[in-house]
Amino acid sequence: MAETRAGFVALIGEPNAGKSTLLNRMVGAKVSIVTHKVQTTRARIRGVALEGDAQIVFVDTPGLFRPRRRLDRAMVAAAWGGAADADIVVLLVEAHRGLTEGVETILAALRERISDTQTVALAINKIDRVEAKALLALTEQLNEAYPFAQTFMISAEKGYGVDDLRDWLAEHLPEGPWLYPEDQIADLPMRMIAAEMTREKLTLRLHQELPYQLTVETEKWDERKDGSARIEQVIYVARDGHKGIVLGHKGETIKAVGKAAREELEEFLGRKVHLFLQVKVRPNWLEESERYDEMGLDFRDGN
């Protein structure tokens, strides 16, 4: 019988480097929300992928950036915590942006925070945006800056090179029993995944109007006799003015968000969903430890 392998792989990088897109492609399902806005991944969402006899557990960390607020600091602490605990770390760098100041900061932190026994690989993402010559130059530059175990050229969005990366990860994980049941794709509670889906729809709909001043929590989840689920969620905003923006003219915005979130939830769960949204103003939600618990972050890390 073949020896099984299992372990944790942390995806790190600047905001918008494509970590969530890569995770979703690796796992083959949508477990991490993907939007065009930076800093959308707040919690360390784990996706589970099977490759041959290996079980790869992905830790999708919040993008690494210079933190300004408590929430930012808690997110960055979660990202480095995820990387320090992983068997393999994969640094994602955007091909067209290259060795930015942000990437240099991450490389310096890798030298400090990651032990010599950990394997660190480089994945240059969005390779369809640059020419081969520029890619080779960037590969050399990055490998001179840090001793990566392996370098991969990928496009997480289009799928180029992703299979090679997954095969390599599977081969380099430690031998041992699988960590999760075979049919499990994420270790986040469904309540949190449902809240993330609604938050994604809000982020997409509101664009620049209300960037990070809101959070979503699933307050109630009832399984009904007919097999459907009744889900109640609260959208917390920081100001009265934000409530009006989320509701929209005659409630149009909240209706559209609710419809889009419900449809995605139904597809994800494979059954009917009754979704009820309400908006509440909580001026200090960014300073409340309960909100951080709901997001899977440690409130104390924000100090």
Protein backbone atom coordinates (compact mmCIF):
# COMPACT_ATOMS: atom_id res chain seq x y z
CA MET A 1 0.00 0.00 0.00
CA ALA A 2 1.29 3.47 -0.91
CA GLU A 3 2.42 5.69 1.94
CA THR A 4 0.03 8.60 2.55
CA ARG A 5 1.24 12.15 2.98
CA ALA A 6 -0.42 15.15 4.58
CA GLY A 7 0.54 18.61 5.65
CA PHE A 8 -0.13 22.33 5.64
CA VAL A 9 0.81 24.68 2.82
CA ALA A 10 0.67 28.44 3.50
CA LEU A 11 0.11 30.77 0.58
CA ILE A 12 1.61 34.18 1.32
CA GLY A 13 2.10 37.35 -0.67
CA GLU A 14 0.99 40.93 -1.08
CA PRO A 15 -2.73 41.75 -1.22
CA ASN A 16 -4.22 40.83 -4.62
CA ALA A 17 -1.30 38.53 -5.52
CA GLY A 18 -3.85 35.83 -6.41
CA LYS A 19 -3.71 33.63 -3.31
CA SER A 20 -7.47 33.10 -3.05
CA THR A 21 -7.79 32.38 -6.78
CA LEU A 22 -4.98 29.82 -6.54
CA LEU A 23 -6.52 28.18 -3.46
CA ASN A 24 -9.91 27.85 -5.15
CA ARG A 25 -8.32 26.33 -8.26
CA MET A 26 -6.24 23.89 -6.22
CA VAL A 27 -9.22 22.74 -4.20
CA GLY A 28 -11.64 22.79 -7.13
CA ALA A 29 -14.32 24.66 -5.21
CA LYS A 30 -14.92 28.15 -3.98
CA VAL A 31 -13.75 28.28 -0.37
CA SER A 32 -12.01 31.64 -0.29
CA ILE A 33 -13.70 34.79 -1.49
CA VAL A 34 -12.16 36.40 -4.53
CA THR A 35 -12.74 40.06 -5.37
CA HIS A 36 -10.82 42.78 -7.12
CA LYS A 37 -10.42 44.60 -3.81
CA VAL A 38 -7.37 44.10 -1.64
CA GLN A 39 -7.52 42.70 1.89
CA THR A 40 -10.65 40.63 1.30
CA THR A 41 -9.30 37.50 2.98
CA ARG A 42 -9.52 38.11 6.70
CA ALA A 43 -9.34 34.67 8.24
CA ARG A 44 -6.92 31.84 7.61
CA ILE A 45 -9.23 29.84 5.38
CA ARG A 46 -8.09 26.28 4.86
CA GLY A 47 -8.90 24.44 1.70
CA VAL A 48 -8.19 20.75 1.37
CA ALA A 49 -6.96 19.24 -1.91
CA LEU A 50 -6.26 15.59 -2.68
CA GLU A 51 -3.41 14.70 -5.03
CA GLY A 52 -2.75 10.98 -5.39
CA ASP A 53 -1.96 9.66 -1.91
CA ALA A 54 -1.38 13.14 -0.51
CA GLN A 55 -3.76 15.49 1.27
CA ILE A 56 -2.70 19.11 0.91
CA VAL A 57 -4.24 21.49 3.44
CA PHE A 58 -3.96 25.06 2.20
CA VAL A 59 -3.84 27.99 4.58
CA ASP A 60 -4.94 31.05 2.65
CA THR A 61 -3.48 33.92 4.63
CA PRO A 62 -4.53 37.56 4.51
CA GLY A 63 -2.31 39.60 2.19
CA LEU A 64 0.80 40.97 3.85
CA PHE A 65 0.88 44.74 3.96
CA ARG A 66 1.81 47.54 6.34
CA PRO A 67 -0.84 47.48 9.07
CA ARG A 68 -2.49 50.69 10.25
CA ARG A 69 -5.54 49.67 12.30
CA ARG A 70 -6.23 46.96 14.85
CA LEU A 71 -7.96 44.80 12.21
CA ASP A 72 -4.95 45.19 9.88
CA ARG A 73 -2.54 44.16 12.63
CA ALA A 74 -4.62 41.11 13.52
CA MET A 75 -4.74 40.11 9.83
CA VAL A 76 -0.96 40.41 9.37
CA ALA A 77 -0.35 38.45 12.60
CA ALA A 78 -2.70 35.72 11.30
CA ALA A 79 -0.82 35.59 8.00
CA TRP A 80 2.58 35.12 9.63
CA GLY A 81 1.11 32.68 12.15
CA GLY A 82 -0.20 30.60 9.24
CA ALA A 83 3.18 30.63 7.54
CA ALA A 84 5.14 29.72 10.68
CA ASP A 85 2.91 26.69 11.33
CA ALA A 86 3.02 25.35 7.76
CA ASP A 87 5.12 22.49 6.37
CA ILE A 88 5.62 24.36 3.09
CA VAL A 89 5.32 28.08 2.38
CA VAL A 90 4.52 29.31 -1.14
CA LEU A 91 5.27 32.97 -1.86
CA LEU A 92 3.11 34.39 -4.65
CA VAL A 93 4.56 37.30 -6.62
CA GLU A 94 2.74 39.07 -9.44
CA ALA A 95 4.77 38.78 -12.65
CA HIS A 96 3.87 42.24 -13.97
CA ARG A 97 4.62 43.99 -10.68
CA GLY A 98 7.87 42.16 -9.95
CA LEU A 99 10.08 42.80 -6.94
CA THR A 100 8.08 45.55 -5.25
CA GLU A 101 8.84 47.18 -1.93
CA GLY A 102 6.13 44.97 -0.42
CA VAL A 103 7.75 41.79 -1.75
CA GLU A 104 11.15 42.93 -0.41
CA THR A 105 9.56 43.42 3.03
CA ILE A 106 8.08 39.90 2.88
CA LEU A 107 11.45 38.40 1.86
CA ALA A 108 13.15 40.13 4.79
CA ALA A 109 10.46 38.80 7.15
CA LEU A 110 10.82 35.28 5.69
CA ARG A 111 14.50 35.30 6.62
CA GLU A 112 13.58 36.26 10.18
CA ARG A 113 10.41 34.30 10.81
CA ILE A 114 10.71 31.06 8.83
CA SER A 115 12.93 28.28 10.18
CA ASP A 116 15.65 26.62 8.10
CA THR A 117 13.75 23.33 8.22
CA GLN A 118 10.74 24.80 6.40
CA THR A 119 10.47 24.51 2.65
CA VAL A 120 9.73 27.77 0.82
CA ALA A 121 8.72 27.76 -2.86
CA LEU A 122 8.18 30.68 -5.21
CA ALA A 123 5.18 30.95 -7.52
CA ILE A 124 5.29 33.77 -10.05
CA ASN A 125 1.64 34.41 -10.86
CA LYS A 126 -0.16 36.15 -13.75
CA ILE A 127 2.59 35.09 -16.18
CA ASP A 128 0.28 35.79 -19.13
CA ARG A 129 0.81 39.50 -18.48
CA VAL A 130 4.55 39.65 -19.24
CA GLU A 131 7.04 38.46 -21.87
CA ALA A 132 9.32 35.44 -21.33
CA LYS A 133 12.47 37.57 -21.15
CA ALA A 134 11.09 39.67 -18.28
CA LEU A 135 9.94 36.50 -16.49
CA LEU A 136 13.41 34.97 -16.58
CA ALA A 137 14.99 38.18 -15.28
CA LEU A 138 12.47 38.33 -12.42
CA THR A 139 13.07 34.64 -11.57
CA GLU A 140 16.82 35.25 -11.30
CA GLN A 141 16.33 38.40 -9.26
CA LEU A 142 14.01 36.71 -6.75
CA ASN A 143 16.14 33.59 -6.40
CA GLU A 144 19.18 35.74 -5.68
CA ALA A 145 17.19 37.49 -2.95
CA TYR A 146 16.03 34.25 -1.24
CA PRO A 147 17.02 30.56 -1.50
CA PHE A 148 13.70 29.15 -2.78
CA ALA A 149 13.45 25.35 -2.97
CA GLN A 150 11.64 25.57 -6.32
CA THR A 151 10.21 28.19 -8.66
CA PHE A 152 6.91 27.85 -10.54
CA MET A 153 5.47 30.00 -13.32
CA ILE A 154 1.70 30.01 -13.04
CA SER A 155 -1.54 31.71 -13.89
CA ALA A 156 -3.94 30.91 -11.04
CA GLU A 157 -6.81 32.42 -13.00
CA LYS A 158 -6.25 30.46 -16.21
CA GLY A 159 -4.77 27.35 -14.59
CA TYR A 160 -1.34 27.37 -16.27
CA GLY A 161 1.32 25.60 -14.20
CA VAL A 162 -1.05 24.93 -11.29
CA ASP A 163 -0.97 21.13 -11.74
CA ASP A 164 2.84 21.13 -11.62
CA LEU A 165 2.78 23.11 -8.40
CA ARG A 166 0.19 20.81 -6.84
CA ASP A 167 2.17 17.68 -7.84
CA TRP A 168 5.34 19.11 -6.34
CA LEU A 169 3.61 20.08 -3.09
CA ALA A 170 2.10 16.58 -2.78
CA GLU A 171 5.56 15.00 -3.15
CA HIS A 172 7.18 17.27 -0.56
CA LEU A 173 4.68 16.94 2.28
CA PRO A 174 5.59 14.78 5.28
CA GLU A 175 4.49 11.15 5.35
CA GLY A 176 1.57 10.50 7.65
CA PRO A 177 -2.18 9.93 7.86
CA TRP A 178 -4.64 12.36 6.30
CA LEU A 179 -5.78 15.20 8.53
CA TYR A 180 -9.36 15.54 7.28
CA PRO A 181 -12.10 13.22 5.98
CA GLU A 182 -11.79 12.54 2.26
CA ASP A 183 -14.89 14.54 1.28
CA GLN A 184 -14.05 17.67 3.26
CA ILE A 185 -12.85 20.69 1.30
CA ALA A 186 -12.58 23.32 4.03
CA ASP A 187 -12.31 23.43 7.79
CA LEU A 188 -14.23 26.66 8.17
CA PRO A 189 -17.66 26.28 9.72
CA MET A 190 -20.42 26.64 7.14
CA ARG A 191 -21.76 29.65 9.04
CA MET A 192 -18.49 31.48 8.38
CA ILE A 193 -18.33 30.44 4.71
CA ALA A 194 -21.92 31.73 4.30
CA ALA A 195 -20.97 35.06 5.91
CA GLU A 196 -17.93 35.36 3.65
CA MET A 197 -20.07 34.78 0.55
CA THR A 198 -22.40 37.62 1.53
CA ARG A 199 -19.44 39.88 2.34
CA GLU A 200 -17.99 39.18 -1.10
CA LYS A 201 -21.25 40.22 -2.77
CA LEU A 202 -21.30 43.42 -0.73
CA THR A 203 -17.68 44.17 -1.63
CA LEU A 204 -18.35 43.66 -5.33
CA ARG A 205 -21.53 45.72 -5.27
CA LEU A 206 -20.31 48.67 -3.21
CA HIS A 207 -16.90 49.15 -4.88
CA GLN A 208 -15.13 52.17 -3.38
CA GLU A 209 -18.04 53.41 -1.30
CA LEU A 210 -17.55 51.29 1.75
CA PRO A 211 -14.27 49.42 1.64
CA TYR A 212 -13.55 47.72 4.97
CA GLN A 213 -16.04 49.33 7.31
CA LEU A 214 -18.39 46.38 7.37
CA THR A 215 -18.49 42.77 8.47
CA VAL A 216 -21.08 40.01 8.14
CA GLU A 217 -22.09 37.43 10.72
CA THR A 218 -24.40 34.44 10.43
CA GLU A 219 -26.66 34.75 13.47
CA LYS A 220 -29.03 31.83 12.89
CA TRP A 221 -28.97 28.70 10.78
CA ASP A 222 -32.02 26.46 10.86
CA GLU A 223 -32.31 23.20 8.97
CA ARG A 224 -35.90 22.84 7.76
CA LYS A 225 -37.92 19.65 7.32
CA ASP A 226 -38.13 20.11 3.54
CA GLY A 227 -34.30 19.94 3.33
CA SER A 228 -33.80 23.67 2.85
CA ALA A 229 -31.83 25.97 5.17
CA ARG A 230 -33.05 29.22 6.72
CA ILE A 231 -30.11 31.55 7.30
CA GLU A 232 -30.21 34.90 9.10
CA GLN A 233 -27.24 37.24 8.76
CA VAL A 234 -26.38 40.63 10.19
CA ILE A 235 -24.28 43.17 8.30
CA TYR A 236 -22.48 45.40 10.81
CA VAL A 237 -21.47 48.88 9.67
CA ALA A 238 -19.61 51.58 11.56
CA ARG A 239 -21.85 54.59 10.80
CA ASP A 240 -25.47 55.51 10.14
CA GLY A 241 -24.52 56.85 6.71
CA HIS A 242 -23.07 53.45 5.80
CA LYS A 243 -26.39 51.78 6.58
CA GLY A 244 -28.08 53.81 3.85
CA ILE A 245 -25.38 52.87 1.35
CA VAL A 246 -25.76 49.14 2.12
CA LEU A 247 -29.55 49.31 1.89
CA GLY A 248 -29.50 51.40 -1.31
CA HIS A 249 -32.35 53.35 -2.89
CA LYS A 250 -35.62 51.69 -1.83
CA GLY A 251 -33.59 48.74 -0.55
CA GLU A 252 -32.32 47.85 -4.03
CA THR A 253 -28.69 47.20 -2.99
CA ILE A 254 -29.46 44.87 -0.10
CA LYS A 255 -31.99 43.01 -2.26
CA ALA A 256 -29.46 42.46 -5.05
CA VAL A 257 -26.76 41.39 -2.57
CA GLY A 258 -29.16 38.99 -0.85
CA LYS A 259 -30.21 37.43 -4.15
CA ALA A 260 -26.61 36.95 -5.36
CA ALA A 261 -25.46 35.52 -2.01
CA ARG A 262 -28.49 33.18 -1.80
CA GLU A 263 -27.90 31.84 -5.32
CA GLU A 264 -24.23 31.14 -4.60
CA LEU A 265 -25.07 29.48 -1.27
CA GLU A 266 -27.66 27.26 -2.97
CA GLU A 267 -25.11 26.21 -5.56
CA PHE A 268 -22.49 25.53 -2.87
CA LEU A 269 -24.84 23.57 -0.61
CA GLY A 270 -26.79 21.90 -3.42
CA ARG A 271 -30.17 22.79 -1.91
CA LYS A 272 -32.66 25.60 -1.37
CA VAL A 273 -31.69 28.46 0.92
CA HIS A 274 -33.86 31.16 2.52
CA LEU A 275 -31.52 34.06 3.30
CA PHE A 276 -32.52 37.01 5.47
CA LEU A 277 -30.21 40.02 5.81
CA GLN A 278 -30.41 42.95 8.20
CA VAL A 279 -28.08 45.90 8.67
CA LYS A 280 -27.03 47.13 12.11
CA VAL A 281 -24.91 50.13 13.05
CA ARG A 282 -22.14 49.32 15.56
CA PRO A 283 -19.74 52.28 15.69
CA ASN A 284 -17.02 50.29 17.47
CA TRP A 285 -17.22 46.89 15.76
CA LEU A 286 -13.55 47.18 14.76
CA GLU A 287 -12.69 47.23 18.49
CA GLU A 288 -14.94 44.35 19.62
CA SER A 289 -13.27 41.02 20.30
CA GLU A 290 -16.45 39.05 19.38
CA ARG A 291 -16.28 40.34 15.79
CA TYR A 292 -12.68 39.08 15.52
CA ASP A 293 -13.70 35.67 16.87
CA GLU A 294 -16.33 35.46 14.12
CA MET A 295 -13.64 36.22 11.51
CA GLY A 296 -11.27 33.62 12.93
CA LEU A 297 -8.77 36.28 14.00
CA ASP A 298 -7.16 36.89 17.39
CA PHE A 299 -8.26 40.24 18.83
CA ARG A 300 -5.05 40.44 20.90
CA ASP A 301 -2.91 40.31 17.76
CA GLY A 302 -4.22 43.75 16.87
CA ASN A 303 -2.49 45.47 19.77
